[in-house]
N, C-alpha and C. Protein backbone atom coordinates (compact mmCIF):
# COMPACT_ATOMS: atom_id res chain seq x y z
N MET A 1 45.19 -14.82 -6.02
CA MET A 1 45.48 -16.32 -5.75
C MET A 1 46.48 -17.32 -5.57
N ASP A 2 46.64 -18.48 -5.22
CA ASP A 2 48.11 -18.22 -4.60
C ASP A 2 48.55 -19.04 -5.86
N PHE A 3 49.65 -18.63 -5.62
CA PHE A 3 51.26 -19.63 -7.10
C PHE A 3 50.59 -20.29 -7.85
N PRO A 4 50.34 -21.67 -6.81
CA PRO A 4 50.40 -22.68 -7.22
C PRO A 4 49.24 -23.05 -8.66
N VAL A 5 47.97 -21.97 -8.40
CA VAL A 5 46.90 -21.85 -8.73
C VAL A 5 46.94 -21.65 -10.11
N HIS A 6 48.31 -20.49 -10.27
CA HIS A 6 48.40 -19.54 -11.55
C HIS A 6 49.70 -20.60 -12.49
N VAL A 7 49.96 -21.82 -12.26
CA VAL A 7 51.18 -22.72 -12.57
C VAL A 7 49.64 -23.49 -13.03
N ALA A 8 48.69 -24.03 -11.97
CA ALA A 8 47.95 -25.11 -12.77
C ALA A 8 47.23 -24.50 -14.24
N ALA A 9 47.03 -22.36 -13.77
CA ALA A 9 45.77 -22.29 -14.75
C ALA A 9 47.36 -22.03 -15.68
N GLY A 10 47.83 -21.54 -15.89
CA GLY A 10 48.90 -21.68 -17.02
C GLY A 10 49.48 -23.17 -17.65
N ALA A 11 49.51 -24.06 -16.62
CA ALA A 11 49.89 -25.38 -17.85
C ALA A 11 48.37 -26.16 -18.24
N LEU A 12 46.57 -25.57 -17.72
CA LEU A 12 45.68 -25.94 -18.24
C LEU A 12 45.92 -24.89 -19.67
N ALA A 13 46.27 -23.55 -20.13
CA ALA A 13 46.19 -22.99 -21.30
C ALA A 13 47.08 -23.68 -22.22
N GLY A 14 48.21 -24.03 -21.29
CA GLY A 14 48.88 -25.05 -22.63
C GLY A 14 48.93 -26.18 -22.88
N SER A 15 48.24 -26.72 -21.83
CA SER A 15 47.62 -28.18 -22.49
C SER A 15 46.02 -27.98 -23.40
N ILE A 16 45.70 -26.96 -23.13
CA ILE A 16 44.51 -26.64 -24.38
C ILE A 16 44.74 -25.93 -25.69
N LEU A 17 46.22 -25.52 -25.89
CA LEU A 17 46.69 -25.38 -27.69
C LEU A 17 47.23 -26.41 -27.79
N LEU A 18 48.30 -26.61 -26.94
CA LEU A 18 48.09 -28.90 -27.20
C LEU A 18 47.53 -29.61 -27.58
N TYR A 19 46.34 -29.81 -27.28
CA TYR A 19 45.46 -31.20 -27.54
C TYR A 19 44.20 -30.09 -28.87
N VAL A 20 44.79 -28.93 -29.17
CA VAL A 20 43.89 -27.97 -30.74
C VAL A 20 45.12 -28.57 -31.64
N CYS A 21 46.12 -28.46 -30.81
CA CYS A 21 47.41 -28.94 -32.01
C CYS A 21 46.90 -30.56 -32.80
N ALA A 22 47.27 -30.66 -31.28
CA ALA A 22 47.10 -32.79 -31.81
C ALA A 22 45.66 -32.97 -32.86
N LYS A 23 44.76 -32.46 -32.72
CA LYS A 23 43.67 -32.43 -32.85
C LYS A 23 43.52 -31.73 -34.38
N GLU A 24 44.47 -30.96 -35.00
CA GLU A 24 45.08 -30.08 -36.50
C GLU A 24 44.88 -31.41 -37.11
N ASN A 25 46.52 -32.16 -36.58
CA ASN A 25 47.53 -33.23 -36.64
C ASN A 25 46.75 -34.20 -37.27
N GLU A 26 45.79 -34.81 -36.33
CA GLU A 26 44.80 -35.81 -36.89
C GLU A 26 44.23 -36.01 -38.04
N VAL A 27 43.91 -34.68 -38.27
CA VAL A 27 43.61 -34.53 -39.43
C VAL A 27 44.46 -34.78 -40.80
N SER A 28 45.72 -33.78 -40.47
CA SER A 28 46.15 -33.35 -41.26
C SER A 28 47.62 -35.04 -41.18
N GLY A 29 47.02 -35.42 -40.63
CA GLY A 29 48.58 -36.57 -40.90
C GLY A 29 49.62 -36.34 -40.72
N GLU A 30 50.47 -35.59 -39.54
CA GLU A 30 51.44 -35.07 -39.00
C GLU A 30 51.78 -35.62 -38.22
N LEU A 31 52.60 -35.84 -37.53
CA LEU A 31 52.95 -36.20 -36.54
C LEU A 31 53.98 -35.33 -35.58
N THR A 32 54.45 -34.82 -36.08
CA THR A 32 55.73 -34.09 -34.90
C THR A 32 55.68 -32.59 -35.32
N MET A 33 56.06 -31.87 -35.02
CA MET A 33 55.57 -30.03 -35.24
C MET A 33 57.43 -29.58 -34.84
N THR A 34 57.41 -28.56 -35.53
CA THR A 34 58.65 -27.81 -36.40
C THR A 34 58.70 -27.33 -34.60
N ARG A 35 60.32 -27.46 -35.19
CA ARG A 35 60.75 -26.34 -34.10
C ARG A 35 60.44 -24.81 -33.70
N SER A 36 59.87 -24.31 -34.78
CA SER A 36 58.88 -22.96 -34.74
C SER A 36 58.29 -22.88 -34.51
N GLU A 37 57.87 -24.11 -34.74
CA GLU A 37 55.69 -24.36 -34.25
C GLU A 37 56.00 -24.42 -32.79
N THR A 38 56.83 -25.34 -32.33
CA THR A 38 56.97 -25.28 -30.71
C THR A 38 57.12 -23.93 -30.32
N PHE A 39 58.13 -23.51 -30.07
CA PHE A 39 57.83 -22.07 -30.31
C PHE A 39 57.09 -21.15 -30.49
N LYS A 40 56.81 -21.07 -31.28
CA LYS A 40 54.90 -20.29 -31.70
C LYS A 40 54.09 -21.24 -30.37
N LEU A 41 53.97 -22.12 -30.18
CA LEU A 41 52.83 -22.60 -29.97
C LEU A 41 53.36 -22.63 -28.31
N GLY A 42 54.51 -22.14 -28.23
CA GLY A 42 54.96 -21.93 -26.24
C GLY A 42 54.57 -20.62 -26.14
N ALA A 43 55.41 -19.48 -27.33
CA ALA A 43 54.48 -17.83 -27.11
C ALA A 43 52.98 -17.97 -26.94
N ALA A 44 52.43 -18.47 -27.34
CA ALA A 44 51.49 -18.66 -27.29
C ALA A 44 50.86 -19.54 -25.89
N GLY A 45 51.11 -19.87 -26.00
CA GLY A 45 50.74 -20.55 -24.21
C GLY A 45 51.30 -19.40 -23.44
N CYS A 46 53.15 -18.97 -22.77
CA CYS A 46 52.74 -17.96 -22.33
C CYS A 46 51.73 -16.52 -22.05
N PHE A 47 51.11 -16.26 -23.51
CA PHE A 47 50.72 -15.32 -23.83
C PHE A 47 49.44 -15.61 -22.91
N PHE A 48 48.16 -16.68 -23.19
CA PHE A 48 47.24 -17.01 -22.29
C PHE A 48 47.38 -17.52 -21.15
N GLY A 49 49.05 -17.44 -20.59
CA GLY A 49 49.56 -18.43 -18.97
C GLY A 49 49.06 -16.94 -18.26
N VAL A 50 49.62 -15.27 -19.66
CA VAL A 50 49.06 -14.83 -18.39
C VAL A 50 47.96 -14.16 -18.61
N LEU A 51 47.49 -14.01 -19.68
CA LEU A 51 45.92 -13.62 -19.20
C LEU A 51 45.49 -14.62 -18.68
N THR A 52 45.38 -15.76 -18.23
CA THR A 52 44.93 -16.57 -17.00
C THR A 52 45.36 -16.18 -15.63
N HIS A 53 45.98 -15.52 -15.33
CA HIS A 53 46.99 -15.01 -14.67
C HIS A 53 45.94 -13.75 -13.69
N LEU A 54 45.70 -13.09 -14.83
CA LEU A 54 45.11 -11.60 -14.22
C LEU A 54 44.06 -11.95 -15.07
N LEU A 55 42.92 -12.44 -15.48
CA LEU A 55 41.84 -12.94 -14.92
C LEU A 55 41.87 -14.18 -13.21
N LEU A 56 42.55 -14.63 -13.53
CA LEU A 56 42.01 -15.48 -11.84
C LEU A 56 42.04 -13.95 -10.73
N ASP A 57 43.22 -13.29 -11.07
CA ASP A 57 43.55 -12.10 -10.01
C ASP A 57 42.33 -11.24 -10.18
N ALA A 58 41.28 -11.51 -11.65
CA ALA A 58 40.35 -10.24 -11.10
C ALA A 58 39.07 -10.94 -10.12
N LEU A 59 38.86 -12.33 -9.53
CA LEU A 59 38.29 -12.73 -8.47
C LEU A 59 38.76 -12.82 -7.13
N PRO A 60 37.11 -12.86 -6.56
CA PRO A 60 38.28 -12.54 -5.02
C PRO A 60 38.90 -13.89 -4.35
N TYR A 61 39.89 -13.90 -4.25
CA TYR A 61 40.99 -14.95 -3.15
C TYR A 61 41.36 -14.64 -2.43
N TYR A 62 42.31 -14.92 -1.50
CA TYR A 62 42.74 -14.74 0.11
C TYR A 62 44.04 -15.99 -0.07
N ASP A 63 45.22 -14.96 -0.16
CA ASP A 63 46.54 -15.80 -0.38
C ASP A 63 47.17 -16.90 0.72
N TRP A 64 46.07 -18.36 0.88
CA TRP A 64 46.16 -18.24 2.67
C TRP A 64 47.73 -19.43 2.34
N LEU A 65 48.78 -19.59 1.57
CA LEU A 65 49.59 -20.41 1.68
C LEU A 65 50.44 -19.16 2.08
N PHE A 66 50.33 -17.67 1.64
CA PHE A 66 51.15 -17.32 2.09
C PHE A 66 51.44 -16.42 3.48
N TYR A 67 50.17 -16.76 4.24
CA TYR A 67 49.70 -16.33 5.95
C TYR A 67 50.15 -17.93 6.75
N ILE A 68 50.47 -19.06 6.12
CA ILE A 68 50.93 -19.67 6.64
C ILE A 68 51.92 -19.64 8.13
N ALA A 69 51.78 -19.79 9.04
CA ALA A 69 52.43 -19.15 10.01
C ALA A 69 53.87 -19.58 10.57
N MET A 70 53.86 -21.03 10.49
CA MET A 70 54.86 -21.69 10.69
C MET A 70 56.62 -21.44 10.20
N PHE A 71 56.62 -20.93 9.16
CA PHE A 71 58.08 -20.44 8.82
C PHE A 71 57.56 -18.96 9.20
N LYS A 72 57.10 -18.19 9.48
CA LYS A 72 57.32 -16.85 9.44
C LYS A 72 58.79 -16.51 10.04
N PRO A 73 59.56 -16.98 11.51
CA PRO A 73 60.22 -16.71 11.65
C PRO A 73 61.74 -16.91 10.79
N LEU A 74 61.78 -17.67 9.88
CA LEU A 74 62.23 -18.17 8.55
C LEU A 74 62.96 -16.97 7.65
N PRO A 75 63.91 -17.09 7.39
CA PRO A 75 64.57 -15.42 6.42
C PRO A 75 63.67 -15.77 5.40
N TYR A 76 63.09 -15.45 4.12
CA TYR A 76 61.91 -15.69 3.32
C TYR A 76 60.51 -16.64 3.49
N GLY A 77 60.12 -16.82 5.09
CA GLY A 77 59.20 -17.40 5.74
C GLY A 77 58.00 -17.71 5.26
N TRP A 78 57.98 -16.36 4.40
CA TRP A 78 56.60 -16.59 3.64
C TRP A 78 56.44 -16.95 2.58
N ALA A 79 57.71 -17.31 1.90
CA ALA A 79 57.27 -18.28 0.53
C ALA A 79 58.00 -19.52 0.52
N ILE A 80 57.87 -20.30 2.07
CA ILE A 80 58.62 -21.54 2.30
C ILE A 80 56.85 -22.67 1.20
N PRO A 81 55.53 -22.59 2.22
CA PRO A 81 54.54 -23.29 1.97
C PRO A 81 54.26 -22.98 0.54
N THR A 82 55.22 -21.92 0.30
CA THR A 82 54.28 -21.93 -1.43
C THR A 82 54.84 -22.45 -2.29
N VAL A 83 56.54 -22.29 -2.55
CA VAL A 83 57.47 -23.21 -2.68
C VAL A 83 57.46 -24.78 -2.30
N PHE A 84 57.09 -25.05 -1.38
CA PHE A 84 56.61 -26.68 -1.43
C PHE A 84 54.92 -27.02 -2.01
N VAL A 85 54.62 -26.35 -2.34
CA VAL A 85 53.47 -26.31 -3.25
C VAL A 85 53.52 -26.31 -4.67
N THR A 86 54.31 -25.14 -4.84
CA THR A 86 54.84 -25.47 -5.90
C THR A 86 55.95 -26.37 -6.63
N VAL A 87 56.89 -26.14 -6.74
CA VAL A 87 57.51 -28.03 -7.07
C VAL A 87 56.74 -28.68 -7.60
N PRO A 88 55.98 -29.29 -6.74
CA PRO A 88 55.98 -30.56 -6.71
C PRO A 88 54.44 -30.79 -7.93
N VAL A 89 53.97 -29.52 -8.42
CA VAL A 89 53.01 -28.93 -8.79
C VAL A 89 53.63 -29.01 -10.53
N ILE A 90 54.92 -28.53 -10.17
CA ILE A 90 55.78 -28.03 -11.99
C ILE A 90 56.79 -29.64 -11.99
N MET A 91 56.70 -30.26 -10.64
CA MET A 91 57.13 -31.31 -11.98
C MET A 91 56.66 -32.43 -12.11
N THR A 92 55.30 -32.24 -11.42
CA THR A 92 54.01 -33.20 -12.20
C THR A 92 53.95 -32.67 -13.89
N ILE A 93 53.64 -31.49 -13.39
CA ILE A 93 53.18 -31.39 -15.42
C ILE A 93 54.78 -31.00 -16.23
N PHE A 94 55.50 -30.93 -15.54
CA PHE A 94 56.74 -31.15 -16.82
C PHE A 94 56.46 -33.54 -17.50
N TYR A 95 56.66 -33.64 -16.51
CA TYR A 95 56.51 -35.08 -16.32
C TYR A 95 55.18 -35.50 -17.01
N LEU A 96 54.02 -35.41 -17.20
CA LEU A 96 53.07 -35.29 -18.12
C LEU A 96 53.46 -35.14 -19.62
N ASN A 97 53.99 -33.76 -19.39
CA ASN A 97 54.09 -33.30 -20.79
C ASN A 97 56.11 -33.23 -21.61
N LYS A 98 56.33 -34.10 -21.01
CA LYS A 98 57.54 -34.98 -20.96
C LYS A 98 57.79 -35.11 -22.94
N ASP A 99 57.17 -34.60 -23.77
CA ASP A 99 57.16 -34.94 -24.67
C ASP A 99 56.59 -33.00 -25.74
N ALA A 100 56.57 -32.09 -24.73
CA ALA A 100 56.13 -30.58 -24.98
C ALA A 100 56.61 -29.74 -24.13
N ARG A 101 57.87 -30.13 -23.42
CA ARG A 101 58.65 -28.75 -22.43
C ARG A 101 58.15 -28.03 -22.16
N ILE A 102 58.79 -27.42 -23.49
CA ILE A 102 59.31 -26.37 -24.06
C ILE A 102 57.47 -25.33 -23.99
N VAL A 103 56.75 -25.80 -24.57
CA VAL A 103 55.23 -25.72 -24.63
C VAL A 103 54.81 -25.18 -22.77
N ALA A 104 54.40 -26.41 -22.33
CA ALA A 104 54.60 -26.26 -20.85
C ALA A 104 55.39 -25.76 -19.87
N GLY A 105 56.73 -25.18 -20.19
CA GLY A 105 57.21 -24.30 -19.33
C GLY A 105 56.91 -22.74 -19.54
N LEU A 106 56.93 -22.70 -21.17
CA LEU A 106 56.10 -21.57 -21.22
C LEU A 106 55.03 -20.86 -21.17
N SER A 107 54.07 -21.72 -20.80
CA SER A 107 53.10 -21.83 -20.26
C SER A 107 53.05 -21.59 -18.88
N MET A 108 54.06 -22.57 -18.36
CA MET A 108 53.76 -21.83 -16.04
C MET A 108 54.12 -20.85 -16.35
N PHE A 109 54.94 -20.48 -16.79
CA PHE A 109 56.23 -19.08 -17.05
C PHE A 109 54.90 -18.37 -17.29
N GLY A 110 54.27 -18.26 -18.44
CA GLY A 110 53.32 -17.07 -18.40
C GLY A 110 52.32 -16.98 -17.31
N GLY A 111 51.96 -18.51 -16.52
CA GLY A 111 50.88 -17.90 -15.61
C GLY A 111 51.75 -17.55 -14.67
N MET A 112 53.06 -17.31 -13.88
CA MET A 112 53.52 -16.91 -12.79
C MET A 112 53.83 -15.58 -13.38
N TYR A 113 54.18 -14.68 -14.52
CA TYR A 113 55.00 -13.55 -14.11
C TYR A 113 54.58 -12.81 -14.11
N PRO A 114 53.21 -12.39 -14.54
CA PRO A 114 52.47 -10.68 -12.72
C PRO A 114 52.44 -10.90 -11.64
N ASP A 115 52.82 -12.53 -10.55
CA ASP A 115 53.26 -12.62 -9.71
C ASP A 115 54.49 -12.24 -9.61
N ILE A 116 55.71 -12.89 -10.69
CA ILE A 116 57.03 -12.10 -10.34
C ILE A 116 57.45 -11.26 -10.77
N GLU A 117 57.06 -10.31 -11.55
CA GLU A 117 56.74 -9.37 -11.89
C GLU A 117 56.22 -8.18 -10.51
N LYS A 118 55.32 -8.70 -10.07
CA LYS A 118 55.60 -8.00 -8.36
C LYS A 118 55.93 -8.14 -7.34
N LEU A 119 56.46 -9.68 -7.47
CA LEU A 119 57.86 -9.33 -6.13
C LEU A 119 59.30 -8.72 -6.53
N ALA A 120 59.85 -8.74 -7.99
CA ALA A 120 60.36 -7.59 -8.01
C ALA A 120 60.39 -6.45 -8.21
N TYR A 121 59.19 -5.64 -7.92
CA TYR A 121 58.85 -4.48 -8.09
C TYR A 121 58.24 -3.85 -6.64
N PHE A 122 58.01 -5.19 -5.93
CA PHE A 122 58.20 -4.00 -4.28
C PHE A 122 59.46 -5.01 -3.37
N ASP A 123 60.03 -6.50 -4.37
CA ASP A 123 61.04 -6.46 -3.05
C ASP A 123 62.39 -6.20 -3.84
N ALA A 124 62.42 -5.66 -5.00
CA ALA A 124 63.73 -6.11 -5.49
C ALA A 124 63.65 -4.08 -6.26
N ASN A 125 62.96 -3.30 -5.84
CA ASN A 125 62.72 -2.17 -6.22
C ASN A 125 63.18 -1.81 -7.68
N LEU A 126 62.70 -2.91 -8.65
CA LEU A 126 62.33 -3.11 -9.62
C LEU A 126 61.78 -1.11 -10.23
N PRO A 127 62.34 -1.04 -11.23
CA PRO A 127 61.56 0.67 -11.65
C PRO A 127 60.49 0.54 -12.44
N ARG A 128 59.54 1.16 -11.78
CA ARG A 128 58.19 1.41 -12.45
C ARG A 128 58.42 1.37 -14.05
N PHE A 129 59.04 2.00 -14.74
CA PHE A 129 58.79 2.35 -15.75
C PHE A 129 59.34 0.67 -16.79
N CYS A 130 59.71 -0.61 -16.18
CA CYS A 130 60.36 -1.99 -16.48
C CYS A 130 58.47 -2.42 -15.80
N VAL A 131 57.40 -2.34 -15.39
CA VAL A 131 56.63 -3.47 -15.20
C VAL A 131 55.68 -3.16 -16.52
N LEU A 132 54.95 -4.15 -16.84
CA LEU A 132 54.21 -4.52 -17.49
C LEU A 132 53.11 -4.18 -17.48
N PHE A 133 52.58 -5.23 -16.10
CA PHE A 133 51.13 -4.97 -15.67
C PHE A 133 51.30 -4.48 -14.53
N PRO A 134 51.13 -2.36 -14.95
CA PRO A 134 51.11 -1.86 -13.60
C PRO A 134 49.86 -2.02 -12.41
N PHE A 135 47.87 -2.00 -12.78
CA PHE A 135 47.20 -2.17 -12.64
C PHE A 135 47.46 -3.84 -11.61
N HIS A 136 48.31 -4.67 -12.28
CA HIS A 136 48.38 -5.54 -11.62
C HIS A 136 49.97 -5.51 -10.41
N SER A 137 50.70 -5.11 -10.46
CA SER A 137 51.92 -5.17 -10.28
C SER A 137 52.40 -4.19 -9.21
N CYS A 138 51.94 -3.55 -9.41
CA CYS A 138 52.30 -1.70 -8.40
C CYS A 138 51.30 -1.37 -6.93
N GLN A 139 50.42 -2.90 -7.21
CA GLN A 139 49.91 -2.38 -6.23
C GLN A 139 49.44 -3.73 -5.62
N LEU A 140 49.08 -3.34 -3.62
CA LEU A 140 48.82 -4.90 -2.73
C LEU A 140 47.89 -5.38 -2.58
N SER A 141 47.11 -6.57 -2.95
CA SER A 141 45.98 -6.96 -3.12
C SER A 141 45.28 -7.79 -2.15
N SER A 142 44.16 -6.84 -1.69
CA SER A 142 43.77 -7.58 -0.57
C SER A 142 42.37 -6.76 -0.30
N SER A 143 40.69 -7.89 0.66
CA SER A 143 40.16 -6.61 1.10
C SER A 143 39.32 -7.03 2.13
N ARG A 144 38.73 -6.38 2.79
CA ARG A 144 37.43 -6.48 4.38
C ARG A 144 36.86 -7.76 4.19
N TRP A 145 36.73 -7.93 2.21
CA TRP A 145 35.76 -8.64 2.53
C TRP A 145 36.30 -10.30 1.95
N GLU A 146 37.27 -9.92 1.59
CA GLU A 146 37.93 -11.40 1.09
C GLU A 146 38.65 -11.86 2.74
N LEU A 147 38.97 -10.56 3.71
CA LEU A 147 39.27 -11.48 4.39
C LEU A 147 38.38 -12.02 5.35
N SER A 148 36.91 -10.95 5.57
CA SER A 148 35.97 -12.72 6.19
C SER A 148 35.14 -13.21 5.16
N HIS A 149 35.26 -13.75 4.55
CA HIS A 149 35.46 -14.61 4.27
C HIS A 149 36.79 -16.02 3.08
N LYS A 150 37.80 -15.66 4.36
CA LYS A 150 38.68 -16.42 4.04
C LYS A 150 38.79 -18.13 3.30
N TYR A 151 37.65 -18.08 4.76
CA TYR A 151 37.54 -20.07 4.84
C TYR A 151 36.97 -20.26 2.89
N GLU A 152 36.11 -19.47 2.87
CA GLU A 152 34.95 -19.88 1.46
C GLU A 152 36.23 -19.65 0.30
N LEU A 153 36.49 -18.58 0.69
CA LEU A 153 37.49 -18.03 -0.65
C LEU A 153 39.24 -19.28 -0.43
N ILE A 154 38.68 -19.90 0.29
CA ILE A 154 40.38 -21.36 0.47
C ILE A 154 39.25 -22.45 -0.27
N VAL A 155 38.63 -23.03 0.25
CA VAL A 155 37.40 -23.44 -0.34
C VAL A 155 37.39 -23.60 -2.02
N MET A 156 37.03 -22.61 -2.52
CA MET A 156 37.67 -22.36 -3.52
C MET A 156 37.96 -22.60 -5.29
N GLU A 157 39.72 -21.63 -4.32
CA GLU A 157 40.68 -22.16 -4.27
C GLU A 157 41.08 -23.02 -5.09
N ILE A 158 41.41 -23.59 -3.45
CA ILE A 158 41.37 -25.30 -3.72
C ILE A 158 40.67 -26.13 -4.78
N CYS A 159 39.20 -25.62 -4.85
CA CYS A 159 38.87 -26.74 -5.83
C CYS A 159 38.82 -25.92 -6.95
N LEU A 160 38.99 -24.69 -7.55
CA LEU A 160 39.24 -24.84 -8.68
C LEU A 160 40.78 -25.39 -9.16
N PHE A 161 41.89 -25.54 -8.06
CA PHE A 161 43.18 -25.88 -9.23
C PHE A 161 43.30 -27.16 -8.71
N ALA A 162 41.97 -27.47 -7.90
CA ALA A 162 42.01 -29.08 -8.06
C ALA A 162 41.39 -29.75 -10.39
N LEU A 163 40.51 -27.97 -10.06
CA LEU A 163 39.58 -28.59 -11.15
C LEU A 163 40.66 -28.26 -12.69
N MET A 164 41.74 -27.52 -12.90
CA MET A 164 42.36 -27.64 -13.34
C MET A 164 43.68 -27.90 -14.05
N MET A 165 43.65 -28.60 -12.61
CA MET A 165 44.88 -29.76 -12.40
C MET A 165 44.29 -30.88 -13.49
N TYR A 166 42.75 -30.96 -12.88
CA TYR A 166 42.50 -32.43 -13.81
C TYR A 166 42.19 -32.35 -15.27
N ALA A 167 41.68 -30.74 -15.70
CA ALA A 167 41.32 -30.31 -16.86
C ALA A 167 42.76 -30.75 -17.66
N MET A 168 43.95 -30.63 -17.46
CA MET A 168 45.14 -30.15 -17.41
C MET A 168 45.22 -31.83 -17.51
N ILE A 169 45.43 -32.93 -17.08
CA ILE A 169 45.78 -34.41 -16.62
C ILE A 169 45.10 -34.81 -17.66
N TRP A 170 43.19 -34.75 -18.13
CA TRP A 170 42.80 -35.32 -19.21
C TRP A 170 43.00 -34.78 -20.99
N LEU A 171 43.69 -33.08 -21.02
CA LEU A 171 43.67 -33.13 -22.48
C LEU A 171 45.15 -33.48 -22.34
N THR A 172 46.00 -33.48 -21.46
CA THR A 172 47.06 -34.58 -21.96
C THR A 172 46.84 -36.04 -22.43
N ILE A 173 46.20 -36.50 -21.51
CA ILE A 173 46.38 -37.90 -22.07
C ILE A 173 45.59 -38.23 -23.51
N GLU A 174 44.72 -37.31 -23.63
CA GLU A 174 43.92 -37.27 -24.80
C GLU A 174 44.76 -36.99 -25.28
N ARG A 175 45.81 -36.44 -25.57
CA ARG A 175 46.71 -35.84 -26.24
C ARG A 175 47.55 -37.12 -26.76
N LYS A 176 47.73 -37.48 -25.94
CA LYS A 176 48.71 -38.76 -25.98
C LYS A 176 48.41 -39.19 -26.90
N HIS A 177 46.80 -39.71 -26.48
CA HIS A 177 46.51 -40.49 -27.19
C HIS A 177 45.78 -40.20 -29.14
N ILE A 178 45.96 -39.10 -29.13
CA ILE A 178 46.01 -38.78 -30.48
C ILE A 178 46.47 -39.08 -30.91
N ARG A 179 48.36 -38.70 -30.89
CA ARG A 179 49.35 -39.02 -30.93
C ARG A 179 50.45 -40.27 -31.10
N HIS A 180 49.03 -41.55 -29.83
CA HIS A 180 49.38 -42.66 -30.51
C HIS A 180 48.84 -43.13 -31.43
N SER A 181 47.68 -42.49 -31.58
CA SER A 181 46.83 -43.39 -32.66
C SER A 181 47.66 -42.38 -34.42
N LEU A 182 47.91 -41.74 -34.32
CA LEU A 182 48.67 -41.28 -35.67
C LEU A 182 50.11 -41.99 -35.59
N CYS A 183 51.00 -42.44 -34.97
CA CYS A 183 51.77 -43.58 -34.99
C CYS A 183 51.31 -44.91 -34.77
N GLN A 184 50.34 -44.94 -35.22
CA GLN A 184 49.81 -46.55 -35.35
C GLN A 184 49.70 -46.21 -36.71
N ALA A 185 48.80 -45.14 -37.07
CA ALA A 185 48.74 -45.26 -38.46
C ALA A 185 49.84 -45.29 -39.35
N GLY A 186 50.54 -44.73 -38.64
CA GLY A 186 51.67 -43.87 -39.90
C GLY A 186 52.81 -45.42 -40.15
């Protein structure tokens, strides 16, 4: 999958954890999390972000942002379309999660990490013994089947991305409603 999809998946994992935590706080009446709880939730978000990345990459996909030819003549031209799409996604997620940036950031990092590791392995010669996910990072991923169904896979990926972003936004709004009701009750 393209990088923004993994960022959205990591953010969704973090949003689910934050929503569950808010529901638990609604029952207990607590308004805030301790710093320790925040980092534990962030670590869990990072773990589930990595897990969503690996699960999404098990689906057939076509890295269509990678193949946009307009920027190919430029240095690192393959990365420019990905950056143009990913940066606004990250900014939106941080904006929506102003009150939980650590959890959102660690969750997104987990969603991105396997591809960062793959990039470091192939482009920066990361030693193989440093690779945590060799089944992901030590091989390139594409097949003839994916290439012959690229348009269907692009539509599927865009729909999946939109659905994950919608779910993440909805969970964030619901979590903030819970927090607001706790503030009014307290």
